[in-house]
């Protein structure tokens, strides 16, 4: 699966979970945050797509995804990032 397709799947997953993804420019890596009790993931669109995908995967590790259907390629990507983070 291409990186662009994985990025699209992360966006679909965020919609299903009610998490807003904000893409910005600046001197930051990105990650999870909460603003006015709204869950948000901020990613830096100036970073390479691989880095943006890794940030998204690390953010979604924090959510209970076991009961959701996620396409196998996306689930594998998230699980791979989980093992690399240990």
C-alpha atoms as a PDB file:
ATOM      1  CA  UNK A   1       0.000   0.000   0.000  1.00  0.00           C
ATOM      2  CA  UNK A   2       1.337   3.437  -0.856  1.00  0.00           C
ATOM      3  CA  UNK A   3       2.122   6.028   1.800  1.00  0.00           C
ATOM      4  CA  UNK A   4      -0.536   8.306   0.343  1.00  0.00           C
ATOM      5  CA  UNK A   5      -3.180   5.569   0.695  1.00  0.00           C
ATOM      6  CA  UNK A   6      -2.104   4.911   4.300  1.00  0.00           C
ATOM      7  CA  UNK A   7      -2.476   8.619   5.019  1.00  0.00           C
ATOM      8  CA  UNK A   8      -6.007   8.532   3.575  1.00  0.00           C
ATOM      9  CA  UNK A   9      -6.849   5.503   5.735  1.00  0.00           C
ATOM     10  CA  UNK A  10      -5.585   7.289   8.858  1.00  0.00           C
ATOM     11  CA  UNK A  11      -7.878  10.212   7.995  1.00  0.00           C
ATOM     12  CA  UNK A  12     -10.853   7.860   7.590  1.00  0.00           C
ATOM     13  CA  UNK A  13     -10.015   6.223  10.910  1.00  0.00           C
ATOM     14  CA  UNK A  14      -9.852   9.587  12.641  1.00  0.00           C
ATOM     15  CA  UNK A  15     -13.301  10.441  11.277  1.00  0.00           C
ATOM     16  CA  UNK A  16     -14.700   7.176  12.650  1.00  0.00           C
ATOM     17  CA  UNK A  17     -13.212   7.883  16.076  1.00  0.00           C
ATOM     18  CA  UNK A  18     -14.222  11.549  16.111  1.00  0.00           C
ATOM     19  CA  UNK A  19     -10.626  12.761  16.208  1.00  0.00           C
ATOM     20  CA  UNK A  20      -9.720  15.869  14.249  1.00  0.00           C
ATOM     21  CA  UNK A  21      -6.433  15.914  12.327  1.00  0.00           C
ATOM     22  CA  UNK A  22      -4.894  19.346  11.896  1.00  0.00           C
ATOM     23  CA  UNK A  23      -2.135  19.776   9.323  1.00  0.00           C
ATOM     24  CA  UNK A  24       0.087  22.752   9.969  1.00  0.00           C
ATOM     25  CA  UNK A  25       3.471  24.197   9.162  1.00  0.00           C
ATOM     26  CA  UNK A  26       6.098  25.122  11.691  1.00  0.00           C
ATOM     27  CA  UNK A  27       8.865  23.940  13.945  1.00  0.00           C
ATOM     28  CA  UNK A  28       7.112  20.972  15.570  1.00  0.00           C
ATOM     29  CA  UNK A  29       6.881  17.225  15.092  1.00  0.00           C
ATOM     30  CA  UNK A  30       3.205  16.717  15.953  1.00  0.00           C
ATOM     31  CA  UNK A  31       1.165  14.458  18.175  1.00  0.00           C
ATOM     32  CA  UNK A  32      -1.991  14.117  20.269  1.00  0.00           C
ATOM     33  CA  UNK A  33      -3.547  16.979  22.151  1.00  0.00           C
ATOM     34  CA  UNK A  34      -6.885  17.982  23.627  1.00  0.00           C
ATOM     35  CA  UNK A  35      -8.426  21.396  23.075  1.00  0.00           C
ATOM     36  CA  UNK A  36     -11.672  22.218  24.874  1.00  0.00           C
ATOM     37  CA  UNK A  37     -12.176  18.469  25.479  1.00  0.00           C
ATOM     38  CA  UNK A  38     -11.868  17.769  21.732  1.00  0.00           C
ATOM     39  CA  UNK A  39      -9.295  15.149  20.732  1.00  0.00           C
ATOM     40  CA  UNK A  40      -6.922  16.448  18.070  1.00  0.00           C
ATOM     41  CA  UNK A  41      -3.879  15.108  16.276  1.00  0.00           C
ATOM     42  CA  UNK A  42      -1.533  17.749  14.909  1.00  0.00           C
ATOM     43  CA  UNK A  43       0.876  16.832  12.119  1.00  0.00           C
ATOM     44  CA  UNK A  44       3.453  18.963  10.366  1.00  0.00           C
ATOM     45  CA  UNK A  45       2.777  18.929   6.639  1.00  0.00           C
ATOM     46  CA  UNK A  46       6.345  20.076   5.955  1.00  0.00           C
ATOM     47  CA  UNK A  47       7.733  16.784   7.292  1.00  0.00           C
ATOM     48  CA  UNK A  48       8.282  13.793   4.986  1.00  0.00           C
ATOM     49  CA  UNK A  49       5.230  11.563   4.595  1.00  0.00           C
ATOM     50  CA  UNK A  50       6.981   8.690   6.408  1.00  0.00           C
ATOM     51  CA  UNK A  51       7.423  10.873   9.483  1.00  0.00           C
ATOM     52  CA  UNK A  52       3.792  12.045   9.345  1.00  0.00           C
ATOM     53  CA  UNK A  53       2.631   8.423   9.131  1.00  0.00           C
ATOM     54  CA  UNK A  54       4.788   7.470  12.114  1.00  0.00           C
ATOM     55  CA  UNK A  55       3.321  10.326  14.174  1.00  0.00           C
ATOM     56  CA  UNK A  56      -0.207   9.241  13.257  1.00  0.00           C
ATOM     57  CA  UNK A  57       0.516   5.603  14.094  1.00  0.00           C
ATOM     58  CA  UNK A  58       1.980   6.531  17.488  1.00  0.00           C
ATOM     59  CA  UNK A  59      -1.058   8.697  18.203  1.00  0.00           C
ATOM     60  CA  UNK A  60      -3.531   5.937  17.329  1.00  0.00           C
ATOM     61  CA  UNK A  61      -1.666   3.429  19.514  1.00  0.00           C
ATOM     62  CA  UNK A  62      -3.163   5.291  22.469  1.00  0.00           C
ATOM     63  CA  UNK A  63      -6.730   4.420  21.396  1.00  0.00           C
ATOM     64  CA  UNK A  64      -8.568   1.110  21.767  1.00  0.00           C
ATOM     65  CA  UNK A  65      -8.703  -0.114  18.183  1.00  0.00           C
ATOM     66  CA  UNK A  66      -9.352  -3.797  18.933  1.00  0.00           C
ATOM     67  CA  UNK A  67     -13.104  -3.582  18.357  1.00  0.00           C
ATOM     68  CA  UNK A  68     -12.854  -1.581  15.130  1.00  0.00           C
ATOM     69  CA  UNK A  69     -12.404  -2.959  11.671  1.00  0.00           C
ATOM     70  CA  UNK A  70      -9.263  -1.435  10.238  1.00  0.00           C
ATOM     71  CA  UNK A  71      -7.886  -2.532   6.894  1.00  0.00           C
ATOM     72  CA  UNK A  72      -5.081  -5.047   7.467  1.00  0.00           C
ATOM     73  CA  UNK A  73      -2.332  -2.855   5.956  1.00  0.00           C
ATOM     74  CA  UNK A  74      -3.159   0.032   8.308  1.00  0.00           C
ATOM     75  CA  UNK A  75      -3.432  -2.236  11.352  1.00  0.00           C
ATOM     76  CA  UNK A  76      -0.066  -3.806  10.450  1.00  0.00           C
ATOM     77  CA  UNK A  77       1.509  -0.357  10.119  1.00  0.00           C
ATOM     78  CA  UNK A  78       0.204   0.709  13.537  1.00  0.00           C
ATOM     79  CA  UNK A  79       1.344  -2.576  15.114  1.00  0.00           C
ATOM     80  CA  UNK A  80       4.784  -2.203  13.531  1.00  0.00           C
ATOM     81  CA  UNK A  81       5.150   1.275  15.037  1.00  0.00           C
ATOM     82  CA  UNK A  82       4.001  -0.115  18.408  1.00  0.00           C
ATOM     83  CA  UNK A  83       6.817  -2.685  18.426  1.00  0.00           C
ATOM     84  CA  UNK A  84       9.413  -0.147  17.297  1.00  0.00           C
ATOM     85  CA  UNK A  85       8.370   2.220  20.092  1.00  0.00           C
ATOM     86  CA  UNK A  86       9.167  -0.278  22.870  1.00  0.00           C
END
